[in-house]
Amino acid sequence: MATYATTTTLFLLLGMATTTLCLQEKGVLKMAQNHVSEAKNWVANALTLHGFESLSLSLSHQTSVVALRDCSKLYEESECRLSHMMSQNSTYTREDALTWISAVMTNHRTCLDGLQEKGYVEAQILERNLTMSLKQALMLYSRNRVIAKGKYN
């Protein structure tokens, strides 16, 4: 009888731990998703603010437009991936999650590198928030990978 109670308690504790980890992961993903959305909005505002939606630009401004439009596409892709992960109907492995979050981090770094090359020092604001939340997500998923194998929902 004592063994049954111990086993039941162990399974309940494991279930609670798994639920807590899933909630933590969803919270970190939501924060990353919000930061990606902020970054995407910043890029859109930069295009509008600098008048880069015009087709008649000098050659020096055209390279800035390319960098901002590339960022827009990268953040759009990143936002889509994080939305998929947040969806109630999505099922993926922890390895998938690590790969996708790493891809979002790569998109972000690629965008920042392009913007910094063109002299957008304001982009450093994007770096702190989004980079930090993506690092937290990667850390949380990699740390929890040992605890819960298999499909994650």
C-alpha atoms as a PDB file:
ATOM      1  CA  MET A   1       0.000   0.000   0.000  1.00  0.00           C
ATOM      2  CA  ALA A   2       2.842   2.398   0.835  1.00  0.00           C
ATOM      3  CA  THR A   3       4.490   1.689  -2.512  1.00  0.00           C
ATOM      4  CA  TYR A   4       1.273   2.581  -4.347  1.00  0.00           C
ATOM      5  CA  ALA A   5       0.996   5.884  -2.449  1.00  0.00           C
ATOM      6  CA  THR A   6       4.646   6.702  -3.124  1.00  0.00           C
ATOM      7  CA  THR A   7       4.288   5.904  -6.814  1.00  0.00           C
ATOM      8  CA  THR A   8       1.108   7.973  -7.083  1.00  0.00           C
ATOM      9  CA  THR A   9       2.767  10.904  -5.310  1.00  0.00           C
ATOM     10  CA  LEU A  10       5.778  10.643  -7.584  1.00  0.00           C
ATOM     11  CA  PHE A  11       3.599  10.704 -10.720  1.00  0.00           C
ATOM     12  CA  LEU A  12       1.594  13.663  -9.387  1.00  0.00           C
ATOM     13  CA  LEU A  13       4.789  15.608  -8.662  1.00  0.00           C
ATOM     14  CA  LEU A  14       6.192  14.764 -12.089  1.00  0.00           C
ATOM     15  CA  GLY A  15       2.933  15.897 -13.709  1.00  0.00           C
ATOM     16  CA  MET A  16       2.979  19.167 -11.771  1.00  0.00           C
ATOM     17  CA  ALA A  17       6.612  19.776 -12.726  1.00  0.00           C
ATOM     18  CA  THR A  18       5.897  19.105 -16.390  1.00  0.00           C
ATOM     19  CA  THR A  19       2.869  21.451 -16.337  1.00  0.00           C
ATOM     20  CA  THR A  20       4.941  24.173 -14.662  1.00  0.00           C
ATOM     21  CA  LEU A  21       7.698  23.782 -17.263  1.00  0.00           C
ATOM     22  CA  CYS A  22       5.186  24.017 -20.112  1.00  0.00           C
ATOM     23  CA  LEU A  23       3.708  27.206 -18.635  1.00  0.00           C
ATOM     24  CA  GLN A  24       7.194  28.695 -18.248  1.00  0.00           C
ATOM     25  CA  GLU A  25       8.008  27.834 -21.842  1.00  0.00           C
ATOM     26  CA  LYS A  26       4.775  29.372 -23.136  1.00  0.00           C
ATOM     27  CA  GLY A  27       5.458  32.549 -21.124  1.00  0.00           C
ATOM     28  CA  VAL A  28       8.973  32.894 -22.514  1.00  0.00           C
ATOM     29  CA  LEU A  29       7.724  32.204 -26.049  1.00  0.00           C
ATOM     30  CA  LYS A  30       4.994  34.834 -25.656  1.00  0.00           C
ATOM     31  CA  MET A  31       7.591  37.375 -24.514  1.00  0.00           C
ATOM     32  CA  ALA A  32       9.813  36.521 -27.516  1.00  0.00           C
ATOM     33  CA  GLN A  33       6.808  36.767 -29.834  1.00  0.00           C
ATOM     34  CA  ASN A  34       6.007  40.234 -28.439  1.00  0.00           C
ATOM     35  CA  HIS A  35       9.607  41.365 -28.928  1.00  0.00           C
ATOM     36  CA  VAL A  36       9.641  40.079 -32.518  1.00  0.00           C
ATOM     37  CA  SER A  37       6.433  42.024 -33.156  1.00  0.00           C
ATOM     38  CA  GLU A  38       8.017  45.165 -31.659  1.00  0.00           C
ATOM     39  CA  ALA A  39      11.094  44.699 -33.858  1.00  0.00           C
ATOM     40  CA  LYS A  40       8.925  44.233 -36.946  1.00  0.00           C
ATOM     41  CA  ASN A  41       7.009  47.411 -36.103  1.00  0.00           C
ATOM     42  CA  TRP A  42      10.273  49.309 -35.551  1.00  0.00           C
ATOM     43  CA  VAL A  43      11.480  48.282 -39.014  1.00  0.00           C
ATOM     44  CA  ALA A  44       8.167  49.331 -40.607  1.00  0.00           C
ATOM     45  CA  ASN A  45       8.334  52.683 -38.806  1.00  0.00           C
ATOM     46  CA  ALA A  46      11.955  53.197 -39.902  1.00  0.00           C
ATOM     47  CA  LEU A  47      10.960  52.628 -43.530  1.00  0.00           C
ATOM     48  CA  THR A  48       8.144  55.172 -43.211  1.00  0.00           C
ATOM     49  CA  LEU A  49      10.102  57.688 -41.120  1.00  0.00           C
ATOM     50  CA  HIS A  50      12.979  57.865 -43.568  1.00  0.00           C
ATOM     51  CA  GLY A  51      10.666  57.995 -46.582  1.00  0.00           C
ATOM     52  CA  PHE A  52      12.038  54.736 -47.924  1.00  0.00           C
ATOM     53  CA  GLU A  53       8.740  53.624 -49.406  1.00  0.00           C
ATOM     54  CA  SER A  54       9.470  55.955 -52.322  1.00  0.00           C
ATOM     55  CA  LEU A  55      10.810  54.281 -55.460  1.00  0.00           C
ATOM     56  CA  SER A  56      13.066  57.196 -56.481  1.00  0.00           C
ATOM     57  CA  LEU A  57      15.944  56.877 -54.020  1.00  0.00           C
ATOM     58  CA  SER A  58      19.633  57.484 -54.389  1.00  0.00           C
ATOM     59  CA  LEU A  59      21.901  54.443 -54.584  1.00  0.00           C
ATOM     60  CA  SER A  60      23.149  54.974 -51.006  1.00  0.00           C
ATOM     61  CA  HIS A  61      19.584  54.965 -49.680  1.00  0.00           C
ATOM     62  CA  GLN A  62      18.647  51.914 -51.731  1.00  0.00           C
ATOM     63  CA  THR A  63      21.041  49.715 -49.731  1.00  0.00           C
ATOM     64  CA  SER A  64      19.422  50.952 -46.508  1.00  0.00           C
ATOM     65  CA  VAL A  65      16.021  50.062 -47.901  1.00  0.00           C
ATOM     66  CA  VAL A  66      17.241  46.575 -48.782  1.00  0.00           C
ATOM     67  CA  ALA A  67      18.537  46.057 -45.219  1.00  0.00           C
ATOM     68  CA  LEU A  68      15.252  47.222 -43.678  1.00  0.00           C
ATOM     69  CA  ARG A  69      13.120  45.159 -46.067  1.00  0.00           C
ATOM     70  CA  ASP A  70      15.258  42.091 -45.385  1.00  0.00           C
ATOM     71  CA  CYS A  71      14.663  42.649 -41.676  1.00  0.00           C
ATOM     72  CA  SER A  72      10.960  42.978 -42.288  1.00  0.00           C
ATOM     73  CA  LYS A  73      10.894  39.594 -44.057  1.00  0.00           C
ATOM     74  CA  LEU A  74      13.058  37.935 -41.384  1.00  0.00           C
ATOM     75  CA  TYR A  75      10.891  39.219 -38.530  1.00  0.00           C
ATOM     76  CA  GLU A  76       7.724  38.214 -40.401  1.00  0.00           C
ATOM     77  CA  GLU A  77       9.082  34.668 -40.736  1.00  0.00           C
ATOM     78  CA  SER A  78      10.135  34.659 -37.074  1.00  0.00           C
ATOM     79  CA  GLU A  79       6.735  35.909 -35.921  1.00  0.00           C
ATOM     80  CA  CYS A  80       5.038  33.189 -37.951  1.00  0.00           C
ATOM     81  CA  ARG A  81       7.245  30.463 -36.440  1.00  0.00           C
ATOM     82  CA  LEU A  82       6.650  31.643 -32.858  1.00  0.00           C
ATOM     83  CA  SER A  83       2.905  31.924 -33.504  1.00  0.00           C
ATOM     84  CA  HIS A  84       2.914  28.324 -34.697  1.00  0.00           C
ATOM     85  CA  MET A  85       4.666  27.261 -31.500  1.00  0.00           C
ATOM     86  CA  MET A  86       2.100  29.164 -29.409  1.00  0.00           C
ATOM     87  CA  SER A  87      -0.851  27.605 -31.249  1.00  0.00           C
ATOM     88  CA  GLN A  88      -3.021  25.249 -29.221  1.00  0.00           C
ATOM     89  CA  ASN A  89      -3.073  22.745 -32.081  1.00  0.00           C
ATOM     90  CA  SER A  90       0.664  22.571 -32.744  1.00  0.00           C
ATOM     91  CA  THR A  91       2.681  19.547 -31.781  1.00  0.00           C
ATOM     92  CA  TYR A  92       6.461  19.499 -31.947  1.00  0.00           C
ATOM     93  CA  THR A  93       9.438  17.959 -30.237  1.00  0.00           C
ATOM     94  CA  ARG A  94      11.808  19.846 -27.999  1.00  0.00           C
ATOM     95  CA  GLU A  95      14.452  19.446 -30.682  1.00  0.00           C
ATOM     96  CA  ASP A  96      12.067  21.169 -33.120  1.00  0.00           C
ATOM     97  CA  ALA A  97      11.557  23.984 -30.621  1.00  0.00           C
ATOM     98  CA  LEU A  98      15.296  24.456 -30.150  1.00  0.00           C
ATOM     99  CA  THR A  99      15.817  24.490 -33.925  1.00  0.00           C
ATOM    100  CA  TRP A 100      13.030  27.003 -34.512  1.00  0.00           C
ATOM    101  CA  ILE A 101      14.085  29.324 -31.696  1.00  0.00           C
ATOM    102  CA  SER A 102      17.675  29.133 -32.961  1.00  0.00           C
ATOM    103  CA  ALA A 103      16.394  30.094 -36.430  1.00  0.00           C
ATOM    104  CA  VAL A 104      14.567  33.092 -34.955  1.00  0.00           C
ATOM    105  CA  MET A 105      17.797  34.089 -33.174  1.00  0.00           C
ATOM    106  CA  THR A 106      19.721  33.753 -36.458  1.00  0.00           C
ATOM    107  CA  ASN A 107      17.123  35.898 -38.262  1.00  0.00           C
ATOM    108  CA  HIS A 108      17.448  38.522 -35.533  1.00  0.00           C
ATOM    109  CA  ARG A 109      21.266  38.538 -35.637  1.00  0.00           C
ATOM    110  CA  THR A 110      21.235  38.744 -39.444  1.00  0.00           C
ATOM    111  CA  CYS A 111      18.903  41.732 -39.290  1.00  0.00           C
ATOM    112  CA  LEU A 112      20.962  43.505 -36.617  1.00  0.00           C
ATOM    113  CA  ASP A 113      24.200  42.915 -38.507  1.00  0.00           C
ATOM    114  CA  GLY A 114      22.693  44.402 -41.675  1.00  0.00           C
ATOM    115  CA  LEU A 115      21.269  47.402 -39.847  1.00  0.00           C
ATOM    116  CA  GLN A 116      24.469  48.103 -37.929  1.00  0.00           C
ATOM    117  CA  GLU A 117      26.428  47.881 -41.178  1.00  0.00           C
ATOM    118  CA  LYS A 118      24.178  50.655 -42.534  1.00  0.00           C
ATOM    119  CA  GLY A 119      24.622  52.761 -39.373  1.00  0.00           C
ATOM    120  CA  TYR A 120      21.299  52.194 -37.627  1.00  0.00           C
ATOM    121  CA  VAL A 121      22.476  52.631 -34.040  1.00  0.00           C
ATOM    122  CA  GLU A 122      18.824  52.669 -32.894  1.00  0.00           C
ATOM    123  CA  ALA A 123      18.723  48.954 -33.674  1.00  0.00           C
ATOM    124  CA  GLN A 124      20.644  48.292 -30.451  1.00  0.00           C
ATOM    125  CA  ILE A 125      17.346  48.734 -28.605  1.00  0.00           C
ATOM    126  CA  LEU A 126      16.018  45.725 -30.524  1.00  0.00           C
ATOM    127  CA  GLU A 127      19.098  43.738 -29.642  1.00  0.00           C
ATOM    128  CA  ARG A 128      18.656  43.846 -25.873  1.00  0.00           C
ATOM    129  CA  ASN A 129      14.988  42.893 -25.588  1.00  0.00           C
ATOM    130  CA  LEU A 130      14.645  40.256 -28.272  1.00  0.00           C
ATOM    131  CA  THR A 131      18.078  38.723 -27.804  1.00  0.00           C
ATOM    132  CA  MET A 132      17.436  38.322 -24.062  1.00  0.00           C
ATOM    133  CA  SER A 133      14.031  36.674 -24.486  1.00  0.00           C
ATOM    134  CA  LEU A 134      15.334  34.308 -27.186  1.00  0.00           C
ATOM    135  CA  LYS A 135      18.287  33.325 -24.992  1.00  0.00           C
ATOM    136  CA  GLN A 136      15.858  32.603 -22.150  1.00  0.00           C
ATOM    137  CA  ALA A 137      13.716  30.435 -24.439  1.00  0.00           C
ATOM    138  CA  LEU A 138      16.733  28.506 -25.703  1.00  0.00           C
ATOM    139  CA  MET A 139      18.001  27.990 -22.165  1.00  0.00           C
ATOM    140  CA  LEU A 140      14.619  26.850 -20.882  1.00  0.00           C
ATOM    141  CA  TYR A 141      14.009  24.407 -23.741  1.00  0.00           C
ATOM    142  CA  SER A 142      17.519  22.964 -23.598  1.00  0.00           C
ATOM    143  CA  ARG A 143      17.395  22.603 -19.813  1.00  0.00           C
ATOM    144  CA  ASN A 144      13.985  20.928 -19.872  1.00  0.00           C
ATOM    145  CA  ARG A 145      14.828  18.603 -22.765  1.00  0.00           C
ATOM    146  CA  VAL A 146      16.095  15.925 -20.394  1.00  0.00           C
ATOM    147  CA  ILE A 147      12.938  16.041 -18.252  1.00  0.00           C
ATOM    148  CA  ALA A 148      10.250  15.670 -20.916  1.00  0.00           C
ATOM    149  CA  LYS A 149      11.073  13.739 -24.077  1.00  0.00           C
ATOM    150  CA  GLY A 150       8.705  13.139 -26.941  1.00  0.00           C
ATOM    151  CA  LYS A 151       5.976  15.322 -28.360  1.00  0.00           C
ATOM    152  CA  TYR A 152       5.274  18.661 -26.780  1.00  0.00           C
ATOM    153  CA  ASN A 153       1.908  20.280 -27.003  1.00  0.00           C
END
